């Protein structure tokens, strides 16, 4: 009986500990820290960057706004040339951030 209880607790912990944040590479069960493109790269360097993030905790709580519009507003950008993302997960806490570059 004791082994069954321990097994249930471990399984429950693994399910809750994975976080909901996903990336194109798939989830990292224990740790994930990836970056990648969301749109075509622009041909010119841009002086401005805006970022917007959403976060999650143990599949139970999620909050934030990772929209392109919020990232544009945060960076004072009116014309977007490039988009990318950053995804992070560490045993139940995760984030997904949208980065915009432009002028």
N, C-alpha and C. Protein backbone atom coordinates (compact mmCIF):
# COMPACT_ATOMS: atom_id res chain seq x y z
N UNK A 1 0.83 -1.20 0.00
CA UNK A 1 0.00 0.00 0.00
C UNK A 1 0.87 1.26 0.00
N UNK A 2 1.97 1.22 0.76
CA UNK A 2 2.85 2.38 0.85
C UNK A 2 3.49 2.69 -0.50
N UNK A 3 3.90 1.66 -1.24
CA UNK A 3 4.52 1.86 -2.56
C UNK A 3 3.52 2.45 -3.55
N UNK A 4 2.28 2.05 -3.45
CA UNK A 4 1.25 2.60 -4.34
C UNK A 4 1.05 4.09 -4.07
N UNK A 5 1.04 4.48 -2.81
CA UNK A 5 0.86 5.89 -2.46
C UNK A 5 2.04 6.72 -2.96
N UNK A 6 3.24 6.20 -2.81
CA UNK A 6 4.42 6.92 -3.28
C UNK A 6 4.38 7.05 -4.81
N UNK A 7 3.98 5.99 -5.49
CA UNK A 7 3.88 6.04 -6.96
C UNK A 7 2.87 7.07 -7.42
N UNK A 8 1.73 7.14 -6.74
CA UNK A 8 0.71 8.12 -7.09
C UNK A 8 1.22 9.54 -6.87
N UNK A 9 1.89 9.76 -5.79
CA UNK A 9 2.43 11.09 -5.49
C UNK A 9 3.48 11.50 -6.52
N UNK A 10 4.35 10.58 -6.89
CA UNK A 10 5.38 10.87 -7.89
C UNK A 10 4.74 11.19 -9.25
N UNK A 11 3.77 10.40 -9.67
CA UNK A 11 3.09 10.65 -10.94
C UNK A 11 2.36 11.99 -10.92
N UNK A 12 1.69 12.29 -9.83
CA UNK A 12 0.98 13.55 -9.69
C UNK A 12 1.97 14.72 -9.78
N UNK A 13 3.10 14.58 -9.11
CA UNK A 13 4.13 15.61 -9.15
C UNK A 13 4.69 15.83 -10.54
N UNK A 14 4.89 14.76 -11.29
CA UNK A 14 5.40 14.90 -12.66
C UNK A 14 4.40 15.61 -13.56
N UNK A 15 3.14 15.29 -13.41
CA UNK A 15 2.10 15.94 -14.23
C UNK A 15 2.03 17.42 -13.91
N UNK A 16 2.02 17.77 -12.64
CA UNK A 16 1.93 19.18 -12.26
C UNK A 16 3.22 19.93 -12.50
N UNK A 17 4.33 19.24 -12.52
CA UNK A 17 5.62 19.90 -12.65
C UNK A 17 6.06 20.22 -14.05
N UNK A 18 5.30 19.83 -15.05
CA UNK A 18 5.77 20.05 -16.41
C UNK A 18 5.46 21.43 -16.95
N UNK A 19 4.48 22.13 -16.46
CA UNK A 19 4.14 23.46 -16.96
C UNK A 19 3.47 23.36 -18.32
N UNK A 20 2.72 24.39 -18.70
CA UNK A 20 1.96 24.38 -19.96
C UNK A 20 2.67 25.10 -21.08
N UNK A 21 3.75 25.75 -20.80
CA UNK A 21 4.42 26.53 -21.83
C UNK A 21 5.02 25.59 -22.85
N UNK A 22 4.69 25.81 -24.11
CA UNK A 22 5.17 24.96 -25.20
C UNK A 22 6.05 25.78 -26.13
N UNK A 23 6.90 25.07 -26.82
CA UNK A 23 7.71 25.70 -27.86
C UNK A 23 7.69 24.79 -29.07
N UNK A 24 8.15 25.27 -30.21
CA UNK A 24 8.20 24.42 -31.40
C UNK A 24 9.06 23.17 -31.20
N UNK A 25 9.97 23.19 -30.25
CA UNK A 25 10.81 22.03 -30.01
C UNK A 25 10.13 21.01 -29.11
N UNK A 26 9.00 21.36 -28.51
CA UNK A 26 8.32 20.49 -27.57
C UNK A 26 8.68 20.88 -26.14
N UNK A 27 7.99 20.31 -25.17
CA UNK A 27 8.23 20.70 -23.78
C UNK A 27 9.48 20.04 -23.21
N UNK A 28 10.12 20.71 -22.31
CA UNK A 28 11.19 20.12 -21.53
C UNK A 28 10.61 19.72 -20.19
N UNK A 29 10.65 18.45 -19.86
CA UNK A 29 10.01 17.96 -18.65
C UNK A 29 10.59 18.61 -17.40
N UNK A 30 11.90 18.74 -17.33
CA UNK A 30 12.53 19.33 -16.15
C UNK A 30 13.01 20.75 -16.45
N UNK A 31 13.62 20.93 -17.62
CA UNK A 31 14.19 22.24 -17.95
C UNK A 31 14.08 22.47 -19.46
N UNK A 32 13.73 23.70 -19.83
CA UNK A 32 13.68 24.10 -21.23
C UNK A 32 14.03 25.58 -21.30
N UNK A 33 14.90 25.94 -22.23
CA UNK A 33 15.24 27.33 -22.47
C UNK A 33 15.60 27.45 -23.94
N UNK A 34 14.63 27.81 -24.80
CA UNK A 34 14.84 27.85 -26.24
C UNK A 34 14.41 29.19 -26.81
N UNK A 35 14.97 29.53 -27.96
CA UNK A 35 14.61 30.72 -28.71
C UNK A 35 14.43 30.31 -30.16
N UNK A 36 13.59 31.02 -30.87
CA UNK A 36 13.39 30.70 -32.28
C UNK A 36 12.55 31.75 -32.97
N UNK A 37 12.48 31.66 -34.29
CA UNK A 37 11.73 32.65 -35.07
C UNK A 37 10.22 32.40 -35.03
N UNK A 38 9.47 33.48 -35.16
CA UNK A 38 8.02 33.40 -35.33
C UNK A 38 7.62 33.92 -36.70
N UNK A 39 8.48 34.68 -37.32
CA UNK A 39 8.18 35.24 -38.63
C UNK A 39 9.46 35.45 -39.40
N UNK A 40 9.35 35.91 -40.63
CA UNK A 40 10.54 36.10 -41.45
C UNK A 40 11.45 37.18 -40.87
N UNK A 41 12.73 36.97 -41.02
CA UNK A 41 13.71 37.94 -40.53
C UNK A 41 13.76 39.13 -41.46
N UNK A 42 13.85 40.30 -40.88
CA UNK A 42 13.96 41.52 -41.69
C UNK A 42 15.37 41.70 -42.21
N UNK A 43 15.52 42.45 -43.27
CA UNK A 43 16.83 42.63 -43.87
C UNK A 43 17.64 43.74 -43.26
N UNK A 44 17.04 44.54 -42.40
CA UNK A 44 17.77 45.66 -41.82
C UNK A 44 17.82 45.53 -40.31
N UNK A 45 18.88 46.06 -39.74
CA UNK A 45 18.97 46.08 -38.28
C UNK A 45 18.04 47.16 -37.76
N UNK A 46 17.39 46.86 -36.65
CA UNK A 46 16.45 47.82 -36.09
C UNK A 46 16.88 48.18 -34.68
N UNK A 47 16.71 49.45 -34.32
CA UNK A 47 17.17 49.89 -33.01
C UNK A 47 16.22 49.54 -31.86
N UNK A 48 14.99 49.16 -32.17
CA UNK A 48 14.01 48.96 -31.11
C UNK A 48 13.63 47.49 -30.97
N UNK A 49 13.39 47.10 -29.71
CA UNK A 49 12.89 45.75 -29.40
C UNK A 49 11.78 45.88 -28.38
N UNK A 50 10.71 45.15 -28.59
CA UNK A 50 9.62 45.09 -27.63
C UNK A 50 9.38 43.64 -27.23
N UNK A 51 8.98 43.41 -26.00
CA UNK A 51 8.75 42.05 -25.52
C UNK A 51 7.47 42.00 -24.70
N UNK A 52 6.74 40.89 -24.86
CA UNK A 52 5.53 40.64 -24.08
C UNK A 52 5.54 39.17 -23.68
N UNK A 53 5.17 38.86 -22.43
CA UNK A 53 5.30 37.49 -21.91
C UNK A 53 4.03 37.01 -21.22
N UNK A 54 3.83 35.70 -21.30
CA UNK A 54 2.79 35.01 -20.53
C UNK A 54 3.51 33.96 -19.69
N UNK A 55 2.95 33.67 -18.52
CA UNK A 55 3.59 32.73 -17.60
C UNK A 55 2.59 31.69 -17.12
N UNK A 56 3.12 30.56 -16.64
CA UNK A 56 2.28 29.48 -16.14
C UNK A 56 2.95 28.86 -14.91
N UNK A 57 2.12 28.38 -13.99
CA UNK A 57 2.62 27.75 -12.78
C UNK A 57 1.85 26.46 -12.53
N UNK A 58 2.53 25.32 -12.64
CA UNK A 58 2.01 23.99 -12.32
C UNK A 58 0.70 23.62 -13.01
N UNK A 59 0.48 24.03 -14.23
CA UNK A 59 -0.76 23.74 -14.95
C UNK A 59 -1.99 24.30 -14.25
N UNK A 60 -1.81 25.06 -13.21
CA UNK A 60 -2.95 25.55 -12.42
C UNK A 60 -3.22 27.03 -12.64
N UNK A 61 -2.17 27.82 -12.82
CA UNK A 61 -2.31 29.26 -12.96
C UNK A 61 -1.56 29.72 -14.19
N UNK A 62 -2.21 30.52 -15.00
CA UNK A 62 -1.57 31.12 -16.17
C UNK A 62 -1.97 32.58 -16.25
N UNK A 63 -1.02 33.44 -16.59
CA UNK A 63 -1.31 34.86 -16.67
C UNK A 63 -0.36 35.52 -17.66
N UNK A 64 -0.74 36.70 -18.10
CA UNK A 64 0.12 37.48 -18.97
C UNK A 64 -0.46 37.68 -20.35
N UNK A 65 0.25 38.44 -21.14
CA UNK A 65 -0.17 38.78 -22.50
C UNK A 65 1.07 38.74 -23.38
N UNK A 66 1.21 37.71 -24.18
CA UNK A 66 2.36 37.56 -25.06
C UNK A 66 2.01 37.93 -26.50
N UNK A 67 1.08 38.85 -26.67
CA UNK A 67 0.64 39.21 -28.01
C UNK A 67 1.64 40.13 -28.70
N UNK A 68 1.58 40.13 -30.01
CA UNK A 68 2.44 41.00 -30.81
C UNK A 68 2.11 42.46 -30.53
N UNK A 69 0.83 42.78 -30.40
CA UNK A 69 0.43 44.16 -30.14
C UNK A 69 1.01 44.69 -28.83
N UNK A 70 1.00 43.86 -27.79
CA UNK A 70 1.56 44.30 -26.50
C UNK A 70 3.07 44.46 -26.61
N UNK A 71 3.73 43.54 -27.31
CA UNK A 71 5.18 43.66 -27.50
C UNK A 71 5.52 44.94 -28.28
N UNK A 72 4.73 45.25 -29.30
CA UNK A 72 4.94 46.48 -30.06
C UNK A 72 4.79 47.71 -29.16
N UNK A 73 3.73 47.71 -28.37
CA UNK A 73 3.48 48.83 -27.46
C UNK A 73 4.62 48.96 -26.43
N UNK A 74 5.08 47.83 -25.88
CA UNK A 74 6.15 47.86 -24.88
C UNK A 74 7.47 48.38 -25.45
N UNK A 75 7.69 48.19 -26.76
CA UNK A 75 8.92 48.66 -27.39
C UNK A 75 8.78 49.96 -28.14
N UNK A 76 7.58 50.53 -28.15
CA UNK A 76 7.35 51.76 -28.90
C UNK A 76 7.55 51.56 -30.40
N UNK A 77 7.11 50.42 -30.90
CA UNK A 77 7.32 50.03 -32.30
C UNK A 77 6.01 50.18 -33.07
N UNK A 78 6.10 50.79 -34.25
CA UNK A 78 4.93 50.90 -35.11
C UNK A 78 5.03 49.98 -36.32
N UNK A 79 6.25 49.73 -36.80
CA UNK A 79 6.45 48.86 -37.95
C UNK A 79 7.37 47.70 -37.56
N UNK A 80 6.83 46.48 -37.59
CA UNK A 80 7.59 45.29 -37.19
C UNK A 80 8.36 44.75 -38.39
N UNK A 81 9.65 44.45 -38.17
CA UNK A 81 10.45 43.83 -39.23
C UNK A 81 10.76 42.36 -38.93
N UNK A 82 10.85 42.00 -37.66
CA UNK A 82 11.21 40.63 -37.28
C UNK A 82 10.47 40.23 -36.01
N UNK A 83 10.10 38.95 -35.92
CA UNK A 83 9.46 38.38 -34.73
C UNK A 83 10.25 37.16 -34.28
N UNK A 84 10.41 36.98 -32.98
CA UNK A 84 10.93 35.71 -32.47
C UNK A 84 10.33 35.45 -31.09
N UNK A 85 10.69 34.31 -30.51
CA UNK A 85 10.13 33.94 -29.21
C UNK A 85 11.21 33.38 -28.31
N UNK A 86 10.91 33.38 -27.03
CA UNK A 86 11.74 32.73 -26.01
C UNK A 86 10.80 31.89 -25.15
N UNK A 87 11.13 30.62 -24.96
CA UNK A 87 10.33 29.73 -24.12
C UNK A 87 11.21 29.20 -23.00
N UNK A 88 10.66 29.21 -21.79
CA UNK A 88 11.41 28.75 -20.62
C UNK A 88 10.50 27.90 -19.74
N UNK A 89 11.03 26.82 -19.21
CA UNK A 89 10.29 25.99 -18.25
C UNK A 89 11.29 25.39 -17.27
N UNK A 90 10.98 25.47 -15.99
CA UNK A 90 11.80 24.86 -14.96
C UNK A 90 10.87 24.26 -13.91
N UNK A 91 10.68 22.97 -14.00
CA UNK A 91 9.91 22.17 -13.05
C UNK A 91 8.64 22.89 -12.58
N UNK A 92 7.77 23.18 -13.51
CA UNK A 92 6.46 23.73 -13.14
C UNK A 92 6.26 25.20 -13.37
N UNK A 93 7.33 25.97 -13.47
CA UNK A 93 7.19 27.39 -13.79
C UNK A 93 7.68 27.60 -15.20
N UNK A 94 6.88 28.28 -16.02
CA UNK A 94 7.29 28.52 -17.40
C UNK A 94 6.87 29.87 -17.90
N UNK A 95 7.49 30.26 -19.01
CA UNK A 95 7.10 31.51 -19.67
C UNK A 95 7.25 31.36 -21.17
N UNK A 96 6.44 32.12 -21.89
CA UNK A 96 6.55 32.24 -23.34
C UNK A 96 6.55 33.72 -23.65
N UNK A 97 7.61 34.20 -24.29
CA UNK A 97 7.73 35.63 -24.60
C UNK A 97 7.80 35.84 -26.11
N UNK A 98 7.07 36.82 -26.57
CA UNK A 98 7.11 37.24 -27.96
C UNK A 98 8.00 38.48 -28.04
N UNK A 99 8.98 38.43 -28.94
CA UNK A 99 9.88 39.57 -29.16
C UNK A 99 9.61 40.14 -30.55
N UNK A 100 9.47 41.46 -30.61
CA UNK A 100 9.31 42.13 -31.90
C UNK A 100 10.44 43.13 -32.07
N UNK A 101 10.88 43.29 -33.30
CA UNK A 101 11.93 44.25 -33.63
C UNK A 101 11.41 45.12 -34.76
N UNK A 102 11.72 46.38 -34.72
CA UNK A 102 11.25 47.28 -35.76
C UNK A 102 11.56 48.72 -35.47
N UNK A 103 10.77 49.57 -36.05
CA UNK A 103 11.00 51.01 -35.85
C UNK A 103 9.68 51.70 -35.54
